[in-house]
Amino acid sequence: MAATTTGDRVAAPLTWRVARLVERRVETPTAQTLVLEVPGWPGHVAGQHVDVRLTAPDGYQAARSYSLAAPAEGDRIALTVQKVPDGEVSPYLIDVYAEGDPVEVRGPVGGWFVWRTEETAPVLLVAGGSGVAPLMAMVRARREAGSRAPFRLIYSVRTPADVFYADELRRRTRDDQGLDVAYVYTRQAPEGWRGEPHRVGLADVNTHGWPAELEPLCYVCGPTGFVETVADLLVGLGHQTRRVKTERFGPTG
């Protein structure tokens, strides 16, 4: 990709930039949010991602893509990394990478799976596992911009311990007018939860989503099978295909 769009301007061709870790936040036992200082960062739109590249002393390089999890704060960006035990990049970022250490980043990348703060249509976010990261960027961007666009998030996780941004989501559900969050647990539900653990299905999308006649913008992110299932459900409920935006990720790490 030769260039990318950032906001309403066309950014310079993508180049690798040196980034350094300035903050680390634990999200779950296997996931952390890394805040990186990237001098000269051009800014980004909620939903975009970056490439992260590591270089070993012998010159071997490995790169992975990670969604931007929040609006930029000057030259600082946030990535939430899920550790993949046999991965090449995520174990280093979670277990070895220390404050002040350098990595290379390239971005922002992507112009389709984005939400812009000038949008006023209702928004439905459907996340599977770590696929919540770019959707959380949209929730945070909405808050930062003071947007009144109504948001609904359906968040599917295995267990309550696997919820990213758990405290912040509780706070935002309470304080951010027009934001609703519904959880679907696939393996173990919290005590007192109504119903049994299950995968996201028609009833979940129908109950916690928006009616198709409101023409919401729909964003679905997660593993391939999850994304395909949810996208099919939305289209089957009458949502316009062009307003159902999807992003898939695989197991590489």
Protein backbone atom coordinates (compact mmCIF):
# COMPACT_ATOMS: atom_id res chain seq x y z
CA MET A 1 0.00 0.00 0.00
CA ALA A 2 1.56 3.27 -1.09
CA ALA A 3 -0.45 5.76 0.98
CA THR A 4 -3.20 5.88 3.52
CA THR A 5 -5.97 8.28 4.46
CA THR A 6 -5.88 9.84 7.91
CA GLY A 7 -8.94 11.90 8.77
CA ASP A 8 -9.69 14.04 5.73
CA ARG A 9 -6.14 14.29 4.47
CA VAL A 10 -3.90 11.94 2.55
CA ALA A 11 -0.90 10.95 4.60
CA ALA A 12 2.60 10.40 3.33
CA PRO A 13 3.63 6.97 2.02
CA LEU A 14 3.91 4.48 4.84
CA THR A 15 7.34 4.06 6.35
CA TRP A 16 8.70 2.17 9.34
CA ARG A 17 9.05 4.34 12.45
CA VAL A 18 10.86 3.56 15.68
CA ALA A 19 8.48 3.31 18.63
CA ARG A 20 9.26 2.90 22.31
CA LEU A 21 7.15 1.46 25.11
CA VAL A 22 6.01 4.06 27.66
CA GLU A 23 3.19 2.25 29.47
CA ARG A 24 1.76 -1.25 29.90
CA ARG A 25 -1.71 -2.19 31.17
CA VAL A 26 -2.84 -5.74 31.96
CA GLU A 27 -6.24 -6.53 30.43
CA THR A 28 -6.53 -10.30 31.02
CA PRO A 29 -4.09 -13.05 32.07
CA THR A 30 -2.98 -13.32 28.42
CA ALA A 31 -3.50 -9.81 27.03
CA GLN A 32 -1.96 -6.41 27.64
CA THR A 33 -2.34 -2.92 26.23
CA LEU A 34 0.94 -1.36 25.19
CA VAL A 35 1.23 2.41 24.88
CA LEU A 36 3.95 3.36 22.42
CA GLU A 37 5.63 6.69 21.76
CA VAL A 38 6.03 7.12 17.99
CA PRO A 39 7.78 10.39 17.08
CA GLY A 40 6.10 12.01 14.09
CA TRP A 41 2.96 9.88 14.31
CA PRO A 42 0.53 11.28 11.66
CA GLY A 43 -2.69 10.43 13.52
CA HIS A 44 -5.26 7.77 12.71
CA VAL A 45 -8.96 6.95 12.49
CA ALA A 46 -10.73 4.51 14.82
CA GLY A 47 -10.63 1.05 13.27
CA GLN A 48 -7.23 1.33 11.60
CA HIS A 49 -4.25 -0.87 12.47
CA VAL A 50 -0.46 -0.87 12.38
CA ASP A 51 2.25 -3.34 11.48
CA VAL A 52 4.77 -4.08 14.23
CA ARG A 53 8.19 -5.43 13.28
CA LEU A 54 10.85 -7.03 15.45
CA THR A 55 14.45 -7.50 14.36
CA ALA A 56 16.69 -10.12 16.03
CA PRO A 57 20.43 -9.59 16.57
CA ASP A 58 21.13 -11.91 13.61
CA GLY A 59 18.94 -9.76 11.34
CA TYR A 60 15.90 -12.06 11.29
CA GLN A 61 12.66 -10.06 11.18
CA ALA A 62 9.07 -10.88 12.10
CA ALA A 63 6.07 -8.59 11.69
CA ARG A 64 2.43 -8.76 12.79
CA SER A 65 -0.56 -6.44 12.45
CA TYR A 66 -2.31 -5.05 15.53
CA SER A 67 -5.40 -2.88 15.74
CA LEU A 68 -5.10 0.57 17.25
CA ALA A 69 -7.15 0.40 20.44
CA ALA A 70 -7.63 4.11 21.12
CA PRO A 71 -7.41 7.54 19.50
CA ALA A 72 -3.89 8.93 19.32
CA GLU A 73 -2.67 11.14 22.15
CA GLY A 74 -0.10 13.26 20.35
CA ASP A 75 2.61 10.82 19.33
CA ARG A 76 1.29 8.04 21.56
CA ILE A 77 -0.68 5.06 20.28
CA ALA A 78 -2.20 2.08 22.10
CA LEU A 79 -2.18 -1.55 20.96
CA THR A 80 -3.78 -4.45 22.79
CA VAL A 81 -1.80 -7.65 22.29
CA GLN A 82 -3.14 -11.15 22.94
CA LYS A 83 -0.35 -13.63 23.66
CA VAL A 84 -0.20 -16.57 21.26
CA PRO A 85 1.99 -19.19 23.01
CA ASP A 86 3.78 -20.37 19.86
CA GLY A 87 3.89 -16.95 18.21
CA GLU A 88 6.98 -15.06 17.16
CA VAL A 89 5.92 -11.53 18.09
CA SER A 90 3.24 -11.54 20.80
CA PRO A 91 5.24 -13.53 23.43
CA TYR A 92 8.08 -11.04 23.09
CA LEU A 93 5.76 -8.05 23.41
CA ILE A 94 4.03 -9.53 26.46
CA ASP A 95 6.94 -11.16 28.33
CA VAL A 96 10.17 -9.44 27.23
CA TYR A 97 9.50 -5.98 25.80
CA ALA A 98 10.39 -3.36 28.42
CA GLU A 99 9.75 0.35 28.85
CA GLY A 100 12.10 2.33 26.63
CA ASP A 101 12.82 -0.59 24.31
CA PRO A 102 12.39 0.05 20.58
CA VAL A 103 10.23 -1.71 18.02
CA GLU A 104 9.31 -0.60 14.52
CA VAL A 105 5.77 0.32 13.53
CA ARG A 106 4.24 1.16 10.17
CA GLY A 107 0.88 2.78 9.70
CA PRO A 108 -1.84 3.67 10.08
CA VAL A 109 -3.22 1.07 7.69
CA GLY A 110 -6.77 0.62 6.45
CA GLY A 111 -9.55 2.88 5.23
CA TRP A 112 -12.62 0.62 5.05
CA PHE A 113 -13.10 -0.73 8.57
CA VAL A 114 -13.16 2.71 10.17
CA TRP A 115 -15.63 4.88 12.05
CA ARG A 116 -15.38 8.65 11.67
CA THR A 117 -16.63 10.93 14.39
CA GLU A 118 -18.77 12.98 12.00
CA GLU A 119 -21.02 9.94 11.42
CA THR A 120 -24.44 10.28 13.05
CA ALA A 121 -26.06 6.93 12.17
CA PRO A 122 -26.58 4.30 14.89
CA VAL A 123 -23.61 1.96 15.25
CA LEU A 124 -23.59 -1.76 16.03
CA LEU A 125 -20.28 -3.26 17.13
CA VAL A 126 -19.97 -7.05 17.36
CA ALA A 127 -16.73 -8.40 18.79
CA GLY A 128 -15.36 -11.90 19.19
CA GLY A 129 -12.55 -12.16 21.75
CA SER A 130 -9.63 -9.86 21.01
CA GLY A 131 -11.57 -8.51 18.04
CA VAL A 132 -12.91 -5.94 20.46
CA ALA A 133 -9.73 -3.84 20.17
CA PRO A 134 -10.58 -1.76 17.06
CA LEU A 135 -14.19 -1.50 18.25
CA MET A 136 -13.01 -0.13 21.58
CA ALA A 137 -11.12 2.51 19.61
CA MET A 138 -14.47 3.54 18.14
CA VAL A 139 -16.12 3.66 21.58
CA ARG A 140 -13.28 5.81 22.88
CA ALA A 141 -13.28 8.07 19.82
CA ARG A 142 -17.03 8.61 20.25
CA ARG A 143 -16.50 9.68 23.84
CA GLU A 144 -13.55 11.91 23.01
CA ALA A 145 -15.46 13.68 20.22
CA GLY A 146 -18.64 14.11 22.25
CA SER A 147 -20.56 12.26 19.52
CA ARG A 148 -24.24 11.56 20.08
CA ALA A 149 -24.35 8.66 17.62
CA PRO A 150 -25.96 5.78 19.55
CA PHE A 151 -23.66 2.77 19.98
CA ARG A 152 -24.45 -0.85 20.82
CA LEU A 153 -21.71 -3.38 21.48
CA ILE A 154 -22.25 -7.15 21.51
CA TYR A 155 -19.12 -8.72 22.98
CA SER A 156 -18.58 -12.50 22.80
CA VAL A 157 -15.96 -14.03 25.11
CA ARG A 158 -15.24 -17.46 26.51
CA THR A 159 -15.45 -16.50 30.19
CA PRO A 160 -15.74 -13.31 32.27
CA ALA A 161 -11.97 -13.42 32.84
CA ASP A 162 -11.43 -13.01 29.09
CA VAL A 163 -13.12 -9.61 28.83
CA PHE A 164 -10.76 -6.88 27.63
CA TYR A 165 -11.21 -3.38 29.13
CA ALA A 166 -13.67 -4.79 31.70
CA ASP A 167 -13.53 -1.90 34.19
CA GLU A 168 -13.62 0.75 31.50
CA LEU A 169 -16.58 -0.86 29.74
CA ARG A 170 -18.51 -0.93 33.01
CA ARG A 171 -17.72 2.72 33.56
CA ARG A 172 -18.56 3.77 30.04
CA THR A 173 -21.83 1.84 30.06
CA ARG A 174 -22.77 3.82 33.17
CA ASP A 175 -21.46 7.24 32.11
CA ASP A 176 -21.54 7.41 28.28
CA GLN A 177 -25.08 8.26 27.29
CA GLY A 178 -26.17 6.28 24.24
CA LEU A 179 -23.74 3.36 24.74
CA ASP A 180 -25.11 -0.10 25.51
CA VAL A 181 -22.99 -3.23 26.02
CA ALA A 182 -24.25 -6.83 25.96
CA TYR A 183 -22.07 -9.87 26.66
CA VAL A 184 -22.28 -13.39 25.24
CA TYR A 185 -20.29 -16.08 27.09
CA THR A 186 -19.39 -19.19 25.14
CA ARG A 187 -17.86 -21.42 27.87
CA GLN A 188 -18.57 -20.07 31.34
CA ALA A 189 -21.01 -17.34 32.35
CA PRO A 190 -20.75 -15.32 35.57
CA GLU A 191 -22.78 -16.31 38.58
CA GLY A 192 -26.35 -15.16 38.28
CA TRP A 193 -26.20 -14.89 34.50
CA ARG A 194 -29.47 -15.71 32.77
CA GLY A 195 -29.24 -18.50 30.24
CA GLU A 196 -26.51 -20.95 29.30
CA PRO A 197 -23.16 -20.27 27.62
CA HIS A 198 -23.58 -20.19 23.84
CA ARG A 199 -22.19 -18.74 20.66
CA VAL A 200 -23.61 -15.53 19.21
CA GLY A 201 -26.83 -16.35 17.40
CA LEU A 202 -29.87 -14.77 15.82
CA ALA A 203 -31.53 -14.02 19.15
CA ASP A 204 -28.48 -12.09 20.40
CA VAL A 205 -28.18 -9.97 17.27
CA ASN A 206 -31.93 -9.40 17.10
CA THR A 207 -32.23 -8.46 20.78
CA HIS A 208 -29.09 -6.39 21.27
CA GLY A 209 -28.57 -4.97 17.77
CA TRP A 210 -30.39 -2.27 15.79
CA PRO A 211 -33.37 -2.86 13.50
CA ALA A 212 -32.29 -2.87 9.85
CA GLU A 213 -34.73 -0.07 9.00
CA LEU A 214 -32.62 2.36 11.07
CA GLU A 215 -29.74 1.72 8.63
CA PRO A 216 -27.03 1.39 11.28
CA LEU A 217 -23.36 1.08 10.52
CA CYS A 218 -22.30 -2.43 11.57
CA TYR A 219 -18.74 -3.43 12.44
CA VAL A 220 -17.88 -7.07 13.11
CA CYS A 221 -14.40 -8.16 14.19
CA GLY A 222 -13.07 -11.51 15.41
CA PRO A 223 -12.03 -14.95 14.16
CA THR A 224 -13.05 -15.79 10.60
CA GLY A 225 -15.85 -18.21 11.50
CA PHE A 226 -17.33 -15.77 14.01
CA VAL A 227 -17.25 -12.88 11.56
CA GLU A 228 -18.84 -14.87 8.74
CA THR A 229 -21.63 -16.12 11.01
CA VAL A 230 -22.48 -12.69 12.39
CA ALA A 231 -22.29 -10.99 8.99
CA ASP A 232 -24.68 -13.59 7.55
CA LEU A 233 -27.08 -13.04 10.46
CA LEU A 234 -27.07 -9.29 9.92
CA VAL A 235 -27.68 -9.56 6.18
CA GLY A 236 -30.42 -12.12 6.86
CA LEU A 237 -32.09 -9.59 9.15
CA GLY A 238 -32.18 -7.08 6.32
CA HIS A 239 -29.07 -5.01 6.92
CA GLN A 240 -27.49 -3.61 3.77
CA THR A 241 -24.33 -5.48 2.83
CA ARG A 242 -22.44 -2.24 2.21
CA ARG A 243 -23.16 -1.15 5.79
CA VAL A 244 -21.84 -4.36 7.33
CA LYS A 245 -18.07 -3.95 7.63
CA THR A 246 -15.96 -6.89 8.73
CA GLU A 247 -12.40 -7.55 9.86
CA ARG A 248 -11.00 -11.04 10.47
CA PHE A 249 -7.91 -12.23 12.25
CA GLY A 250 -6.12 -15.53 12.39
CA PRO A 251 -4.13 -17.39 15.06
CA THR A 252 -0.64 -16.16 14.08
CA GLY A 253 1.11 -14.16 16.77
